[in-house]
Every structure is written in C-alpha cells, then in structure tokens.
Amino acid sequence: MNMNISDWVQGRTTDGELIHGFIETIDMLQGIVTVHVVKSDNEERVGNTVAVRASWIKRVPDTTLEDPQLVQNMIDMALATWDEAWFMELTESLKSADKAASGADSQAKLFTTVVNRLGKSA
C-alpha cells in the first residue's frame, strides 16, 4: 500500500457509493483506511468519515501549478478556508509564472524589428 495520511483518494464504500476525499487514518494490519468524504454520489456521506478497504480506493495523482486558472481556483479555496500560508504559496507561484511569461514576451519583443547599420529598419 503506497498511501499516506492526507493523500487524496477516490473509490467505493461497502454500500457501493462512490467517494472522493482524503485519508485520515490507516490501519496497516487490517488494510482499512478512513476517508473524510468531500464528494459522493450519496449526499449524506459528504462531510463524514467512512472506513473502507485500502484495495477499494486509489490515490488521486497530484496536480501541478502550471495552469493559471487552476491556481486562481486554488487561491479562492485558500481564501475560503482562511489558510494564509497556502494563499501566500499560491500567489508567489502565480507571480513567478507571470514574471516568467512577461520575461519571455520581452525577449521576443527585442528581436521583432530589423535595423540595418545606418539605423533604418528594412
């Protein structure tokens, strides 16, 4: 089992309900994982903790912060949860991505005009 506490997972419960959430505890001996449910096809499960077999869930891959729209959405989530450290991390990431994009644009603009040795454009 290659899962850790706080990993995002998705899978099914013993009742066959689809769940999406994060791991709260892991019982390695019995192979049971408790998941805090964030999304489910059964609305009554959302916000609750359920115990499921580790083999019935799979780890959700980590996302990268390359998409500016995704970063904006995550900034909104950080503001909604009052998570100042996460907010600062995301805004710095967005600023550095914007700076890199503007630096690439300025480099491209340097060579857009052609100037001959007399100082005239061709």
PDB file of N, CA and C in Angstrom:
ATOM      1  N   MET A   1       0.857  -1.173   0.000  1.00  0.00           N
ATOM      2  CA  MET A   1       0.000   0.000   0.000  1.00  0.00           C
ATOM      3  C   MET A   1       0.904   1.237   0.000  1.00  0.00           C
ATOM      4  N   ASN A   2       0.741   2.088  -0.985  1.00  0.00           N
ATOM      5  CA  ASN A   2       1.593   3.265  -1.106  1.00  0.00           C
ATOM      6  C   ASN A   2       0.812   4.546  -0.825  1.00  0.00           C
ATOM      7  N   MET A   3      -0.024   4.531   0.193  1.00  0.00           N
ATOM      8  CA  MET A   3      -0.817   5.706   0.556  1.00  0.00           C
ATOM      9  C   MET A   3      -0.368   6.231   1.908  1.00  0.00           C
ATOM     10  N   ASN A   4      -0.551   7.521   2.087  1.00  0.00           N
ATOM     11  CA  ASN A   4      -0.190   8.181   3.336  1.00  0.00           C
ATOM     12  C   ASN A   4      -1.384   8.977   3.844  1.00  0.00           C
ATOM     13  N   ILE A   5      -1.329   9.344   5.101  1.00  0.00           N
ATOM     14  CA  ILE A   5      -2.358  10.206   5.667  1.00  0.00           C
ATOM     15  C   ILE A   5      -2.336  11.539   4.920  1.00  0.00           C
ATOM     16  N   SER A   6      -3.490  12.064   4.620  1.00  0.00           N
ATOM     17  CA  SER A   6      -3.759  13.313   3.895  1.00  0.00           C
ATOM     18  C   SER A   6      -3.692  13.169   2.380  1.00  0.00           C
ATOM     19  N   ASP A   7      -3.436  11.971   1.854  1.00  0.00           N
ATOM     20  CA  ASP A   7      -3.490  11.757   0.407  1.00  0.00           C
ATOM     21  C   ASP A   7      -4.942  11.818  -0.063  1.00  0.00           C
ATOM     22  N   TRP A   8      -5.146  12.375  -1.250  1.00  0.00           N
ATOM     23  CA  TRP A   8      -6.475  12.406  -1.853  1.00  0.00           C
ATOM     24  C   TRP A   8      -6.718  11.085  -2.544  1.00  0.00           C
ATOM     25  N   VAL A   9      -7.907  10.513  -2.322  1.00  0.00           N
ATOM     26  CA  VAL A   9      -8.254   9.205  -2.875  1.00  0.00           C
ATOM     27  C   VAL A   9      -9.682   9.230  -3.407  1.00  0.00           C
ATOM     28  N   GLN A  10      -9.967   8.228  -4.228  1.00  0.00           N
ATOM     29  CA  GLN A  10     -11.336   8.014  -4.666  1.00  0.00           C
ATOM     30  C   GLN A  10     -11.586   6.521  -4.755  1.00  0.00           C
ATOM     31  N   GLY A  11     -12.847   6.127  -4.605  1.00  0.00           N
ATOM     32  CA  GLY A  11     -13.172   4.713  -4.642  1.00  0.00           C
ATOM     33  C   GLY A  11     -14.612   4.464  -4.280  1.00  0.00           C
ATOM     34  N   ARG A  12     -14.868   3.270  -3.731  1.00  0.00           N
ATOM     35  CA  ARG A  12     -16.221   2.858  -3.370  1.00  0.00           C
ATOM     36  C   ARG A  12     -16.279   2.416  -1.915  1.00  0.00           C
ATOM     37  N   THR A  13     -17.449   2.591  -1.312  1.00  0.00           N
ATOM     38  CA  THR A  13     -17.685   2.107   0.048  1.00  0.00           C
ATOM     39  C   THR A  13     -18.238   0.687  -0.022  1.00  0.00           C
ATOM     40  N   THR A  14     -18.497   0.094   1.136  1.00  0.00           N
ATOM     41  CA  THR A  14     -19.089  -1.250   1.164  1.00  0.00           C
ATOM     42  C   THR A  14     -20.496  -1.251   0.584  1.00  0.00           C
ATOM     43  N   ASP A  15     -21.167  -0.114   0.598  1.00  0.00           N
ATOM     44  CA  ASP A  15     -22.512   0.013   0.029  1.00  0.00           C
ATOM     45  C   ASP A  15     -22.482   0.322  -1.463  1.00  0.00           C
ATOM     46  N   GLY A  16     -21.282   0.431  -2.041  1.00  0.00           N
ATOM     47  CA  GLY A  16     -21.147   0.709  -3.469  1.00  0.00           C
ATOM     48  C   GLY A  16     -21.212   2.179  -3.833  1.00  0.00           C
ATOM     49  N   GLU A  17     -21.167   3.060  -2.843  1.00  0.00           N
ATOM     50  CA  GLU A  17     -21.219   4.506  -3.105  1.00  0.00           C
ATOM     51  C   GLU A  17     -19.858   5.004  -3.575  1.00  0.00           C
ATOM     52  N   LEU A  18     -19.865   5.876  -4.544  1.00  0.00           N
ATOM     53  CA  LEU A  18     -18.622   6.493  -4.999  1.00  0.00           C
ATOM     54  C   LEU A  18     -18.229   7.589  -4.018  1.00  0.00           C
ATOM     55  N   ILE A  19     -16.953   7.616  -3.640  1.00  0.00           N
ATOM     56  CA  ILE A  19     -16.479   8.644  -2.707  1.00  0.00           C
ATOM     57  C   ILE A  19     -15.200   9.269  -3.236  1.00  0.00           C
ATOM     58  N   HIS A  20     -14.976  10.495  -2.833  1.00  0.00           N
ATOM     59  CA  HIS A  20     -13.751  11.235  -3.140  1.00  0.00           C
ATOM     60  C   HIS A  20     -13.422  12.025  -1.881  1.00  0.00           C
ATOM     61  N   GLY A  21     -12.192  11.874  -1.378  1.00  0.00           N
ATOM     62  CA  GLY A  21     -11.822  12.575  -0.162  1.00  0.00           C
ATOM     63  C   GLY A  21     -10.360  12.366   0.174  1.00  0.00           C
ATOM     64  N   PHE A  22     -10.016  12.610   1.438  1.00  0.00           N
ATOM     65  CA  PHE A  22      -8.626  12.451   1.854  1.00  0.00           C
ATOM     66  C   PHE A  22      -8.535  11.496   3.036  1.00  0.00           C
ATOM     67  N   ILE A  23      -7.386  10.831   3.144  1.00  0.00           N
ATOM     68  CA  ILE A  23      -7.170   9.816   4.163  1.00  0.00           C
ATOM     69  C   ILE A  23      -6.924  10.477   5.517  1.00  0.00           C
ATOM     70  N   GLU A  24      -7.653   9.994   6.531  1.00  0.00           N
ATOM     71  CA  GLU A  24      -7.451  10.472   7.900  1.00  0.00           C
ATOM     72  C   GLU A  24      -6.598   9.491   8.704  1.00  0.00           C
ATOM     73  N   THR A  25      -6.884   8.194   8.605  1.00  0.00           N
ATOM     74  CA  THR A  25      -6.095   7.190   9.324  1.00  0.00           C
ATOM     75  C   THR A  25      -5.901   5.965   8.443  1.00  0.00           C
ATOM     76  N   ILE A  26      -4.855   5.200   8.755  1.00  0.00           N
ATOM     77  CA  ILE A  26      -4.548   3.971   8.026  1.00  0.00           C
ATOM     78  C   ILE A  26      -4.273   2.868   9.041  1.00  0.00           C
ATOM     79  N   ASP A  27      -4.969   1.747   8.893  1.00  0.00           N
ATOM     80  CA  ASP A  27      -4.718   0.564   9.711  1.00  0.00           C
ATOM     81  C   ASP A  27      -4.039  -0.460   8.801  1.00  0.00           C
ATOM     82  N   MET A  28      -2.719  -0.523   8.887  1.00  0.00           N
ATOM     83  CA  MET A  28      -1.935  -1.383   8.001  1.00  0.00           C
ATOM     84  C   MET A  28      -2.231  -2.867   8.231  1.00  0.00           C
ATOM     85  N   LEU A  29      -2.477  -3.264   9.470  1.00  0.00           N
ATOM     86  CA  LEU A  29      -2.685  -4.674   9.774  1.00  0.00           C
ATOM     87  C   LEU A  29      -3.973  -5.215   9.155  1.00  0.00           C
ATOM     88  N   GLN A  30      -5.043  -4.446   9.233  1.00  0.00           N
ATOM     89  CA  GLN A  30      -6.322  -4.905   8.700  1.00  0.00           C
ATOM     90  C   GLN A  30      -6.575  -4.420   7.277  1.00  0.00           C
ATOM     91  N   GLY A  31      -5.759  -3.485   6.791  1.00  0.00           N
ATOM     92  CA  GLY A  31      -5.954  -2.957   5.443  1.00  0.00           C
ATOM     93  C   GLY A  31      -7.158  -2.043   5.331  1.00  0.00           C
ATOM     94  N   ILE A  32      -7.456  -1.335   6.424  1.00  0.00           N
ATOM     95  CA  ILE A  32      -8.606  -0.425   6.461  1.00  0.00           C
ATOM     96  C   ILE A  32      -8.102   1.015   6.494  1.00  0.00           C
ATOM     97  N   VAL A  33      -8.751   1.855   5.710  1.00  0.00           N
ATOM     98  CA  VAL A  33      -8.405   3.276   5.624  1.00  0.00           C
ATOM     99  C   VAL A  33      -9.652   4.082   5.934  1.00  0.00           C
ATOM    100  N   THR A  34      -9.539   5.104   6.776  1.00  0.00           N
ATOM    101  CA  THR A  34     -10.672   6.009   6.992  1.00  0.00           C
ATOM    102  C   THR A  34     -10.483   7.230   6.105  1.00  0.00           C
ATOM    103  N   VAL A  35     -11.545   7.564   5.404  1.00  0.00           N
ATOM    104  CA  VAL A  35     -11.513   8.652   4.427  1.00  0.00           C
ATOM    105  C   VAL A  35     -12.536   9.704   4.816  1.00  0.00           C
ATOM    106  N   HIS A  36     -12.095  10.961   4.853  1.00  0.00           N
ATOM    107  CA  HIS A  36     -13.015  12.082   5.050  1.00  0.00           C
ATOM    108  C   HIS A  36     -13.598  12.398   3.671  1.00  0.00           C
ATOM    109  N   VAL A  37     -14.907  12.210   3.514  1.00  0.00           N
ATOM    110  CA  VAL A  37     -15.562  12.323   2.213  1.00  0.00           C
ATOM    111  C   VAL A  37     -15.851  13.783   1.882  1.00  0.00           C
ATOM    112  N   VAL A  38     -15.370  14.214   0.713  1.00  0.00           N
ATOM    113  CA  VAL A  38     -15.609  15.568   0.228  1.00  0.00           C
ATOM    114  C   VAL A  38     -16.686  15.563  -0.861  1.00  0.00           C
ATOM    115  N   LYS A  39     -16.691  14.500  -1.677  1.00  0.00           N
ATOM    116  CA  LYS A  39     -17.691  14.342  -2.733  1.00  0.00           C
ATOM    117  C   LYS A  39     -18.180  12.903  -2.718  1.00  0.00           C
ATOM    118  N   SER A  40     -19.458  12.729  -3.032  1.00  0.00           N
ATOM    119  CA  SER A  40     -20.016  11.384  -3.108  1.00  0.00           C
ATOM    120  C   SER A  40     -21.317  11.431  -3.900  1.00  0.00           C
ATOM    121  N   ASP A  41     -21.703  10.264  -4.462  1.00  0.00           N
ATOM    122  CA  ASP A  41     -22.994  10.203  -5.128  1.00  0.00           C
ATOM    123  C   ASP A  41     -24.131  10.094  -4.107  1.00  0.00           C
ATOM    124  N   ASN A  42     -23.790   9.823  -2.846  1.00  0.00           N
ATOM    125  CA  ASN A  42     -24.744   9.848  -1.739  1.00  0.00           C
ATOM    126  C   ASN A  42     -24.444  11.105  -0.919  1.00  0.00           C
ATOM    127  N   GLU A  43     -25.289  12.111  -1.034  1.00  0.00           N
ATOM    128  CA  GLU A  43     -25.057  13.402  -0.378  1.00  0.00           C
ATOM    129  C   GLU A  43     -24.929  13.285   1.136  1.00  0.00           C
ATOM    130  N   GLU A  44     -25.506  12.253   1.738  1.00  0.00           N
ATOM    131  CA  GLU A  44     -25.431  12.094   3.188  1.00  0.00           C
ATOM    132  C   GLU A  44     -24.015  11.745   3.653  1.00  0.00           C
ATOM    133  N   ARG A  45     -23.184  11.214   2.764  1.00  0.00           N
ATOM    134  CA  ARG A  45     -21.804  10.847   3.102  1.00  0.00           C
ATOM    135  C   ARG A  45     -20.860  12.052   3.144  1.00  0.00           C
ATOM    136  N   VAL A  46     -21.206  13.115   2.409  1.00  0.00           N
ATOM    137  CA  VAL A  46     -20.321  14.277   2.303  1.00  0.00           C
ATOM    138  C   VAL A  46     -20.125  14.907   3.682  1.00  0.00           C
ATOM    139  N   GLY A  47     -18.860  15.108   4.050  1.00  0.00           N
ATOM    140  CA  GLY A  47     -18.525  15.699   5.342  1.00  0.00           C
ATOM    141  C   GLY A  47     -18.309  14.677   6.442  1.00  0.00           C
ATOM    142  N   ASN A  48     -18.598  13.426   6.165  1.00  0.00           N
ATOM    143  CA  ASN A  48     -18.428  12.367   7.155  1.00  0.00           C
ATOM    144  C   ASN A  48     -17.166  11.566   6.867  1.00  0.00           C
ATOM    145  N   THR A  49     -16.781  10.756   7.838  1.00  0.00           N
ATOM    146  CA  THR A  49     -15.641   9.860   7.688  1.00  0.00           C
ATOM    147  C   THR A  49     -16.162   8.440   7.526  1.00  0.00           C
ATOM    148  N   VAL A  50     -15.626   7.726   6.519  1.00  0.00           N
ATOM    149  CA  VAL A  50     -16.024   6.342   6.281  1.00  0.00           C
ATOM    150  C   VAL A  50     -14.791   5.458   6.297  1.00  0.00           C
ATOM    151  N   ALA A  51     -14.969   4.221   6.738  1.00  0.00           N
ATOM    152  CA  ALA A  51     -13.886   3.241   6.733  1.00  0.00           C
ATOM    153  C   ALA A  51     -14.071   2.337   5.516  1.00  0.00           C
ATOM    154  N   VAL A  52     -13.027   2.197   4.706  1.00  0.00           N
ATOM    155  CA  VAL A  52     -13.083   1.351   3.515  1.00  0.00           C
ATOM    156  C   VAL A  52     -11.816   0.513   3.431  1.00  0.00           C
ATOM    157  N   ARG A  53     -11.895  -0.561   2.705  1.00  0.00           N
ATOM    158  CA  ARG A  53     -10.707  -1.374   2.466  1.00  0.00           C
ATOM    159  C   ARG A  53      -9.750  -0.601   1.574  1.00  0.00           C
ATOM    160  N   ALA A  54      -8.476  -0.714   1.842  1.00  0.00           N
ATOM    161  CA  ALA A  54      -7.465   0.000   1.062  1.00  0.00           C
ATOM    162  C   ALA A  54      -7.481  -0.429  -0.399  1.00  0.00           C
ATOM    163  N   SER A  55      -7.880  -1.670  -0.662  1.00  0.00           N
ATOM    164  CA  SER A  55      -7.906  -2.160  -2.044  1.00  0.00           C
ATOM    165  C   SER A  55      -9.080  -1.585  -2.837  1.00  0.00           C
ATOM    166  N   TRP A  56     -10.057  -0.964  -2.172  1.00  0.00           N
ATOM    167  CA  TRP A  56     -11.219  -0.407  -2.841  1.00  0.00           C
ATOM    168  C   TRP A  56     -11.045   1.057  -3.222  1.00  0.00           C
ATOM    169  N   ILE A  57      -9.918   1.637  -2.857  1.00  0.00           N
ATOM    170  CA  ILE A  57      -9.674   3.043  -3.194  1.00  0.00           C
ATOM    171  C   ILE A  57      -8.366   3.159  -3.960  1.00  0.00           C
ATOM    172  N   LYS A  58      -8.242   4.264  -4.678  1.00  0.00           N
ATOM    173  CA  LYS A  58      -6.976   4.535  -5.358  1.00  0.00           C
ATOM    174  C   LYS A  58      -6.586   5.984  -5.115  1.00  0.00           C
ATOM    175  N   ARG A  59      -5.308   6.199  -5.123  1.00  0.00           N
ATOM    176  CA  ARG A  59      -4.753   7.533  -4.873  1.00  0.00           C
ATOM    177  C   ARG A  59      -4.975   8.414  -6.089  1.00  0.00           C
ATOM    178  N   VAL A  60      -5.384   9.655  -5.866  1.00  0.00           N
ATOM    179  CA  VAL A  60      -5.562  10.626  -6.936  1.00  0.00           C
ATOM    180  C   VAL A  60      -4.213  11.284  -7.181  1.00  0.00           C
ATOM    181  N   PRO A  61      -3.754  11.354  -8.438  1.00  0.00           N
ATOM    182  CA  PRO A  61      -2.444  11.953  -8.701  1.00  0.00           C
ATOM    183  C   PRO A  61      -2.393  13.432  -8.307  1.00  0.00           C
ATOM    184  N   ASP A  62      -1.216  13.870  -7.891  1.00  0.00           N
ATOM    185  CA  ASP A  62      -1.013  15.267  -7.521  1.00  0.00           C
ATOM    186  C   ASP A  62      -1.124  16.151  -8.755  1.00  0.00           C
ATOM    187  N   THR A  63      -1.596  17.378  -8.546  1.00  0.00           N
ATOM    188  CA  THR A  63      -1.709  18.322  -9.652  1.00  0.00           C
ATOM    189  C   THR A  63      -0.504  19.250  -9.651  1.00  0.00           C
ATOM    190  N   THR A  64      -0.186  19.776 -10.807  1.00  0.00           N
ATOM    191  CA  THR A  64       0.901  20.746 -10.914  1.00  0.00           C
ATOM    192  C   THR A  64       0.307  22.145 -10.983  1.00  0.00           C
ATOM    193  N   LEU A  65       1.100  23.113 -10.650  1.00  0.00           N
ATOM    194  CA  LEU A  65       0.636  24.500 -10.616  1.00  0.00           C
ATOM    195  C   LEU A  65       1.022  25.240 -11.893  1.00  0.00           C
ATOM    196  N   GLU A  66       0.880  24.593 -13.033  1.00  0.00           N
ATOM    197  CA  GLU A  66       1.251  25.223 -14.301  1.00  0.00           C
ATOM    198  C   GLU A  66       0.088  25.970 -14.942  1.00  0.00           C
ATOM    199  N   ASP A  67      -1.136  25.578 -14.651  1.00  0.00           N
ATOM    200  CA  ASP A  67      -2.312  26.206 -15.233  1.00  0.00           C
ATOM    201  C   ASP A  67      -2.737  27.397 -14.373  1.00  0.00           C
ATOM    202  N   PRO A  68      -2.674  28.630 -14.915  1.00  0.00           N
ATOM    203  CA  PRO A  68      -3.022  29.810 -14.108  1.00  0.00           C
ATOM    204  C   PRO A  68      -4.466  29.782 -13.602  1.00  0.00           C
ATOM    205  N   GLN A  69      -5.388  29.225 -14.395  1.00  0.00           N
ATOM    206  CA  GLN A  69      -6.781  29.161 -13.962  1.00  0.00           C
ATOM    207  C   GLN A  69      -6.923  28.232 -12.756  1.00  0.00           C
ATOM    208  N   LEU A  70      -6.196  27.126 -12.759  1.00  0.00           N
ATOM    209  CA  LEU A  70      -6.213  26.211 -11.622  1.00  0.00           C
ATOM    210  C   LEU A  70      -5.659  26.896 -10.374  1.00  0.00           C
ATOM    211  N   VAL A  71      -4.593  27.654 -10.537  1.00  0.00           N
ATOM    212  CA  VAL A  71      -4.002  28.371  -9.400  1.00  0.00           C
ATOM    213  C   VAL A  71      -4.992  29.405  -8.858  1.00  0.00           C
ATOM    214  N   GLN A  72      -5.700  30.097  -9.749  1.00  0.00           N
ATOM    215  CA  GLN A  72      -6.708  31.065  -9.305  1.00  0.00           C
ATOM    216  C   GLN A  72      -7.804  30.377  -8.490  1.00  0.00           C
ATOM    217  N   ASN A  73      -8.254  29.202  -8.945  1.00  0.00           N
ATOM    218  CA  ASN A  73      -9.279  28.457  -8.211  1.00  0.00           C
ATOM    219  C   ASN A  73      -8.763  28.023  -6.844  1.00  0.00           C
ATOM    220  N   MET A  74      -7.502  27.606  -6.791  1.00  0.00           N
ATOM    221  CA  MET A  74      -6.927  27.180  -5.522  1.00  0.00           C
ATOM    222  C   MET A  74      -6.742  28.367  -4.578  1.00  0.00           C
ATOM    223  N   ILE A  75      -6.439  29.538  -5.130  1.00  0.00           N
ATOM    224  CA  ILE A  75      -6.344  30.756  -4.306  1.00  0.00           C
ATOM    225  C   ILE A  75      -7.707  31.053  -3.683  1.00  0.00           C
ATOM    226  N   ASP A  76      -8.767  30.889  -4.466  1.00  0.00           N
ATOM    227  CA  ASP A  76     -10.117  31.088  -3.925  1.00  0.00           C
ATOM    228  C   ASP A  76     -10.395  30.108  -2.787  1.00  0.00           C
ATOM    229  N   MET A  77      -9.942  28.859  -2.938  1.00  0.00           N
ATOM    230  CA  MET A  77     -10.140  27.871  -1.882  1.00  0.00           C
ATOM    231  C   MET A  77      -9.340  28.245  -0.638  1.00  0.00           C
ATOM    232  N   ALA A  78      -8.118  28.731  -0.824  1.00  0.00           N
ATOM    233  CA  ALA A  78      -7.291  29.136   0.314  1.00  0.00           C
ATOM    234  C   ALA A  78      -7.941  30.300   1.057  1.00  0.00           C
ATOM    235  N   LEU A  79      -8.534  31.232   0.321  1.00  0.00           N
ATOM    236  CA  LEU A  79      -9.229  32.350   0.956  1.00  0.00           C
ATOM    237  C   LEU A  79     -10.474  31.870   1.705  1.00  0.00           C
ATOM    238  N   ALA A  80     -11.190  30.930   1.114  1.00  0.00           N
ATOM    239  CA  ALA A  80     -12.410  30.421   1.747  1.00  0.00           C
ATOM    240  C   ALA A  80     -12.105  29.664   3.034  1.00  0.00           C
ATOM    241  N   THR A  81     -10.936  29.020   3.087  1.00  0.00           N
ATOM    242  CA  THR A  81     -10.573  28.238   4.270  1.00  0.00           C
ATOM    243  C   THR A  81      -9.685  29.012   5.237  1.00  0.00           C
ATOM    244  N   TRP A  82      -9.397  30.251   4.932  1.00  0.00           N
ATOM    245  CA  TRP A  82      -8.563  31.115   5.775  1.00  0.00           C
ATOM    246  C   TRP A  82      -7.159  30.534   5.962  1.00  0.00           C
ATOM    247  N   ASP A  83      -6.626  29.892   4.934  1.00  0.00           N
ATOM    248  CA  ASP A  83      -5.297  29.281   5.005  1.00  0.00           C
ATOM    249  C   ASP A  83      -4.275  30.265   4.430  1.00  0.00           C
ATOM    250  N   GLU A  84      -3.706  31.080   5.312  1.00  0.00           N
ATOM    251  CA  GLU A  84      -2.809  32.157   4.881  1.00  0.00           C
ATOM    252  C   GLU A  84      -1.525  31.623   4.250  1.00  0.00           C
ATOM    253  N   ALA A  85      -0.945  30.575   4.818  1.00  0.00           N
ATOM    254  CA  ALA A  85       0.305  30.027   4.283  1.00  0.00           C
ATOM    255  C   ALA A  85       0.098  29.487   2.872  1.00  0.00           C
ATOM    256  N   TRP A  86      -0.999  28.774   2.659  1.00  0.00           N
ATOM    257  CA  TRP A  86      -1.289  28.225   1.333  1.00  0.00           C
ATOM    258  C   TRP A  86      -1.563  29.359   0.350  1.00  0.00           C
ATOM    259  N   PHE A  87      -2.286  30.401   0.801  1.00  0.00           N
ATOM    260  CA  PHE A  87      -2.562  31.563  -0.041  1.00  0.00           C
ATOM    261  C   PHE A  87      -1.269  32.230  -0.495  1.00  0.00           C
ATOM    262  N   MET A  88      -0.340  32.420   0.438  1.00  0.00           N
ATOM    263  CA  MET A  88       0.929  33.061   0.095  1.00  0.00           C
ATOM    264  C   MET A  88       1.733  32.200  -0.893  1.00  0.00           C
ATOM    265  N   GLU A  89       1.740  30.891  -0.667  1.00  0.00           N
ATOM    266  CA  GLU A  89       2.450  29.980  -1.574  1.00  0.00           C
ATOM    267  C   GLU A  89       1.868  30.045  -2.988  1.00  0.00           C
ATOM    268  N   LEU A  90       0.547  30.057  -3.085  1.00  0.00           N
ATOM    269  CA  LEU A  90      -0.102  30.086  -4.395  1.00  0.00           C
ATOM    270  C   LEU A  90       0.099  31.420  -5.104  1.00  0.00           C
ATOM    271  N   THR A  91       0.012  32.528  -4.366  1.00  0.00           N
ATOM    272  CA  THR A  91       0.202  33.827  -5.013  1.00  0.00           C
ATOM    273  C   THR A  91       1.640  34.000  -5.481  1.00  0.00           C
ATOM    274  N   GLU A  92       2.610  33.496  -4.714  1.00  0.00           N
ATOM    275  CA  GLU A  92       4.008  33.552  -5.162  1.00  0.00           C
ATOM    276  C   GLU A  92       4.201  32.711  -6.420  1.00  0.00           C
ATOM    277  N   SER A  93       3.575  31.567  -6.456  1.00  0.00           N
ATOM    278  CA  SER A  93       3.649  30.706  -7.633  1.00  0.00           C
ATOM    279  C   SER A  93       3.062  31.409  -8.847  1.00  0.00           C
ATOM    280  N   LEU A  94       1.930  32.073  -8.662  1.00  0.00           N
ATOM    281  CA  LEU A  94       1.284  32.787  -9.763  1.00  0.00           C
ATOM    282  C   LEU A  94       2.127  33.970 -10.220  1.00  0.00           C
ATOM    283  N   LYS A  95       2.718  34.698  -9.264  1.00  0.00           N
ATOM    284  CA  LYS A  95       3.579  35.830  -9.607  1.00  0.00           C
ATOM    285  C   LYS A  95       4.807  35.384 -10.392  1.00  0.00           C
ATOM    286  N   SER A  96       5.439  34.305  -9.971  1.00  0.00           N
ATOM    287  CA  SER A  96       6.633  33.834 -10.674  1.00  0.00           C
ATOM    288  C   SER A  96       6.284  33.328 -12.061  1.00  0.00           C
ATOM    289  N   ALA A  97       5.118  32.719 -12.229  1.00  0.00           N
ATOM    290  CA  ALA A  97       4.685  32.266 -13.557  1.00  0.00           C
ATOM    291  C   ALA A  97       4.413  33.468 -14.463  1.00  0.00           C
ATOM    292  N   ASP A  98       3.779  34.518 -13.905  1.00  0.00           N
ATOM    293  CA  ASP A  98       3.520  35.737 -14.681  1.00  0.00           C
ATOM    294  C   ASP A  98       4.813  36.431 -15.061  1.00  0.00           C
ATOM    295  N   LYS A  99       5.768  36.463 -14.118  1.00  0.00           N
ATOM    296  CA  LYS A  99       7.056  37.101 -14.383  1.00  0.00           C
ATOM    297  C   LYS A  99       7.814  36.358 -15.475  1.00  0.00           C
ATOM    298  N   ALA A 100       7.782  35.037 -15.435  1.00  0.00           N
ATOM    299  CA  ALA A 100       8.456  34.228 -16.454  1.00  0.00           C
ATOM    300  C   ALA A 100       7.806  34.433 -17.816  1.00  0.00           C
ATOM    301  N   ALA A 101       6.482  34.535 -17.841  1.00  0.00           N
ATOM    302  CA  ALA A 101       5.774  34.750 -19.105  1.00  0.00           C
ATOM    303  C   ALA A 101       6.064  36.137 -19.657  1.00  0.00           C
ATOM    304  N   SER A 102       6.098  37.155 -18.792  1.00  0.00           N
ATOM    305  CA  SER A 102       6.383  38.507 -19.267  1.00  0.00           C
ATOM    306  C   SER A 102       7.841  38.634 -19.696  1.00  0.00           C
ATOM    307  N   GLY A 103       8.747  37.910 -19.054  1.00  0.00           N
ATOM    308  CA  GLY A 103      10.155  37.916 -19.460  1.00  0.00           C
ATOM    309  C   GLY A 103      10.337  37.291 -20.824  1.00  0.00           C
ATOM    310  N   ALA A 104       9.609  36.251 -21.109  1.00  0.00           N
ATOM    311  CA  ALA A 104       9.675  35.609 -22.423  1.00  0.00           C
ATOM    312  C   ALA A 104       9.107  36.534 -23.483  1.00  0.00           C
ATOM    313  N   ASP A 105       8.033  37.282 -23.137  1.00  0.00           N
ATOM    314  CA  ASP A 105       7.453  38.225 -24.082  1.00  0.00           C
ATOM    315  C   ASP A 105       8.411  39.365 -24.381  1.00  0.00           C
ATOM    316  N   SER A 106       9.116  39.867 -23.357  1.00  0.00           N
ATOM    317  CA  SER A 106      10.036  40.976 -23.575  1.00  0.00           C
ATOM    318  C   SER A 106      11.228  40.526 -24.413  1.00  0.00           C
ATOM    319  N   GLN A 107      11.689  39.293 -24.226  1.00  0.00           N
ATOM    320  CA  GLN A 107      12.771  38.766 -25.056  1.00  0.00           C
ATOM    321  C   GLN A 107      12.329  38.657 -26.512  1.00  0.00           C
ATOM    322  N   ALA A 108      11.095  38.255 -26.727  1.00  0.00           N
ATOM    323  CA  ALA A 108      10.580  38.133 -28.084  1.00  0.00           C
ATOM    324  C   ALA A 108      10.457  39.517 -28.724  1.00  0.00           C
ATOM    325  N   LYS A 109      10.120  40.535 -27.943  1.00  0.00           N
ATOM    326  CA  LYS A 109       9.949  41.875 -28.469  1.00  0.00           C
ATOM    327  C   LYS A 109      11.288  42.513 -28.830  1.00  0.00           C
ATOM    328  N   LEU A 110      12.378  42.086 -28.243  1.00  0.00           N
ATOM    329  CA  LEU A 110      13.677  42.661 -28.544  1.00  0.00           C
ATOM    330  C   LEU A 110      14.083  42.444 -30.000  1.00  0.00           C
ATOM    331  N   PHE A 111      13.686  41.346 -30.570  1.00  0.00           N
ATOM    332  CA  PHE A 111      14.136  40.992 -31.902  1.00  0.00           C
ATOM    333  C   PHE A 111      13.035  41.076 -32.950  1.00  0.00           C
ATOM    334  N   THR A 112      11.996  41.855 -32.698  1.00  0.00           N
ATOM    335  CA  THR A 112      10.907  41.937 -33.657  1.00  0.00           C
ATOM    336  C   THR A 112      11.194  42.921 -34.781  1.00  0.00           C
ATOM    337  N   THR A 113      12.000  43.936 -34.523  1.00  0.00           N
ATOM    338  CA  THR A 113      12.306  44.897 -35.579  1.00  0.00           C
ATOM    339  C   THR A 113      13.714  44.657 -36.098  1.00  0.00           C
ATOM    340  N   VAL A 114      13.860  44.856 -37.388  1.00  0.00           N
ATOM    341  CA  VAL A 114      15.164  44.672 -38.022  1.00  0.00           C
ATOM    342  C   VAL A 114      15.764  46.051 -38.287  1.00  0.00           C
ATOM    343  N   VAL A 115      16.999  46.264 -37.845  1.00  0.00           N
ATOM    344  CA  VAL A 115      17.668  47.547 -38.022  1.00  0.00           C
ATOM    345  C   VAL A 115      18.982  47.295 -38.754  1.00  0.00           C
ATOM    346  N   ASN A 116      19.196  48.074 -39.828  1.00  0.00           N
ATOM    347  CA  ASN A 116      20.464  47.919 -40.543  1.00  0.00           C
ATOM    348  C   ASN A 116      21.541  48.791 -39.888  1.00  0.00           C
ATOM    349  N   ARG A 117      22.739  48.798 -40.431  1.00  0.00           N
ATOM    350  CA  ARG A 117      23.840  49.540 -39.803  1.00  0.00           C
ATOM    351  C   ARG A 117      23.681  51.038 -39.832  1.00  0.00           C
ATOM    352  N   LEU A 118      22.763  51.564 -40.651  1.00  0.00           N
ATOM    353  CA  LEU A 118      22.512  53.004 -40.684  1.00  0.00           C
ATOM    354  C   LEU A 118      21.412  53.413 -39.691  1.00  0.00           C
ATOM    355  N   GLY A 119      20.849  52.406 -39.010  1.00  0.00           N
ATOM    356  CA  GLY A 119      19.813  52.715 -38.027  1.00  0.00           C
ATOM    357  C   GLY A 119      18.426  52.739 -38.624  1.00  0.00           C
ATOM    358  N   LYS A 120      18.282  52.329 -39.858  1.00  0.00           N
ATOM    359  CA  LYS A 120      16.977  52.316 -40.523  1.00  0.00           C
ATOM    360  C   LYS A 120      16.426  50.899 -40.540  1.00  0.00           C
ATOM    361  N   SER A 121      15.106  50.789 -40.394  1.00  0.00           N
ATOM    362  CA  SER A 121      14.511  49.457 -40.493  1.00  0.00           C
ATOM    363  C   SER A 121      14.396  49.050 -41.934  1.00  0.00           C
ATOM    364  N   ALA A 122      14.442  47.789 -42.195  1.00  0.00           N
ATOM    365  CA  ALA A 122      14.442  47.271 -43.577  1.00  0.00           C
ATOM    366  C   ALA A 122      13.142  47.368 -44.250  1.00  0.00           C
TER     367      ALA A 122
END
